[in-house]
Structures are given as C-alpha cells and as structure tokens.
C-alpha cells in the first residue's frame, strides 16, 4: 500500500519521489527486471488513467511519466494497482 493512499500528494512529495526514482535509474540500482516492467506496463495500458502525450505515456491521476514507474522498484501507482495485481497473482 502506498504511503499516500487516500490523500493527494503535495507537489513537494511528488518532486521528492520523482527525484528518488530518477537517482535509482541513473545509478542503476533498484531496477525491475524485464518481466516486472512488462507487467507494470500492461497494468497501466489497461488503466482508465493511462494517457499518451507527446512526451510519452503518463498517469492522468498523478501526472507522472510512466516509464520511470515501470523501471524502478520504488515506482508506485497512485491507485495502488501495481500492488493489487501482485496480491491477486500470489493468492492460491
């Protein structure tokens, strides 16, 4: 569950999260494998908040670019859909 579930993230919190994810991507640390990136891309592609812009895919809920959310292990979905999908696949 995300830290911000049920509340709107402030601009400061959004920028802080973006900075943290960007640093991970530049450092090459905490990166999802290809299967996880594909799973997240698939979740976003079927989401009502998925938006394609000239600058690439974005989340219309939080306004963030999606590629970093797919690549970074700490990239989160504001609607917790990444976590929901994992819980469904782990349920026997």
Protein backbone atom coordinates (compact mmCIF):
# COMPACT_ATOMS: atom_id res chain seq x y z
CA UNK A 1 0.00 0.00 0.00
CA UNK A 2 1.36 3.41 -0.85
CA UNK A 3 2.18 5.97 1.81
CA UNK A 4 -0.17 8.42 0.13
CA UNK A 5 -3.24 6.24 -0.33
CA UNK A 6 -6.41 8.19 0.33
CA UNK A 7 -4.70 11.57 0.23
CA UNK A 8 -3.48 13.85 -2.53
CA UNK A 9 0.32 14.09 -2.76
CA UNK A 10 1.71 17.59 -2.37
CA UNK A 11 3.91 18.99 -5.12
CA UNK A 12 6.89 18.67 -2.77
CA UNK A 13 6.14 14.97 -2.16
CA UNK A 14 5.75 14.35 -5.91
CA UNK A 15 9.07 16.05 -6.67
CA UNK A 16 10.82 14.18 -3.88
CA UNK A 17 9.51 10.83 -5.13
CA UNK A 18 10.47 11.69 -8.71
CA UNK A 19 13.97 12.65 -7.60
CA UNK A 20 14.41 9.38 -5.70
CA UNK A 21 13.25 7.29 -8.66
CA UNK A 22 15.43 9.27 -11.09
CA UNK A 23 18.50 8.74 -8.89
CA UNK A 24 17.86 5.00 -8.82
CA UNK A 25 17.58 4.88 -12.60
CA UNK A 26 20.78 6.88 -13.09
CA UNK A 27 22.67 4.76 -10.53
CA UNK A 28 21.27 1.54 -11.99
CA UNK A 29 20.13 0.42 -8.55
CA UNK A 30 16.74 -0.93 -7.57
CA UNK A 31 15.69 -1.63 -11.19
CA UNK A 32 12.86 -4.05 -12.04
CA UNK A 33 13.59 -6.98 -14.32
CA UNK A 34 12.05 -7.11 -17.79
CA UNK A 35 9.10 -9.26 -16.65
CA UNK A 36 8.11 -6.81 -13.89
CA UNK A 37 8.46 -3.84 -16.23
CA UNK A 38 6.21 -5.61 -18.74
CA UNK A 39 3.67 -6.46 -16.01
CA UNK A 40 3.51 -2.82 -14.88
CA UNK A 41 3.27 -1.58 -18.49
CA UNK A 42 0.34 -3.95 -19.04
CA UNK A 43 -1.43 -2.72 -15.88
CA UNK A 44 -1.04 0.91 -16.94
CA UNK A 45 -2.12 0.18 -20.52
CA UNK A 46 -5.45 -1.14 -19.25
CA UNK A 47 -5.99 1.65 -16.71
CA UNK A 48 -8.52 4.45 -17.09
CA UNK A 49 -5.83 6.96 -16.08
CA UNK A 50 -3.37 5.95 -18.84
CA UNK A 51 -2.58 8.88 -21.10
CA UNK A 52 -0.30 9.15 -24.12
CA UNK A 53 1.29 12.54 -24.69
CA UNK A 54 3.97 13.89 -27.00
CA UNK A 55 6.43 13.34 -24.14
CA UNK A 56 5.41 9.71 -23.72
CA UNK A 57 2.98 7.76 -21.54
CA UNK A 58 1.75 9.50 -18.39
CA UNK A 59 -0.54 8.78 -15.48
CA UNK A 60 -3.51 11.14 -15.59
CA UNK A 61 -4.13 10.53 -11.88
CA UNK A 62 -0.79 11.84 -10.59
CA UNK A 63 0.65 13.41 -13.76
CA UNK A 64 3.89 11.44 -13.60
CA UNK A 65 5.71 9.95 -16.59
CA UNK A 66 5.16 6.20 -16.56
CA UNK A 67 8.45 4.79 -17.88
CA UNK A 68 10.31 5.53 -14.62
CA UNK A 69 7.45 3.95 -12.64
CA UNK A 70 7.79 0.79 -14.72
CA UNK A 71 11.58 0.60 -14.43
CA UNK A 72 12.15 1.46 -10.76
CA UNK A 73 11.21 -0.92 -7.96
CA UNK A 74 10.19 2.08 -5.87
CA UNK A 75 7.95 3.47 -8.63
CA UNK A 76 4.41 3.37 -7.32
CA UNK A 77 0.90 3.62 -8.69
CA UNK A 78 -1.20 6.34 -7.02
CA UNK A 79 -4.16 3.94 -7.16
CA UNK A 80 -2.07 1.00 -5.79
CA UNK A 81 -2.75 -1.08 -8.90
CA UNK A 82 0.81 -2.46 -9.03
CA UNK A 83 0.33 -3.90 -5.53
CA UNK A 84 -3.20 -5.17 -6.21
CA UNK A 85 -2.03 -7.17 -9.23
CA UNK A 86 0.77 -8.79 -7.21
CA UNK A 87 -1.65 -9.73 -4.43
CA UNK A 88 -4.01 -11.33 -6.95
CA UNK A 89 -1.25 -13.45 -8.52
CA UNK A 90 0.05 -14.57 -5.10
CA UNK A 91 -3.38 -15.69 -3.83
CA UNK A 92 -3.73 -19.52 -4.04
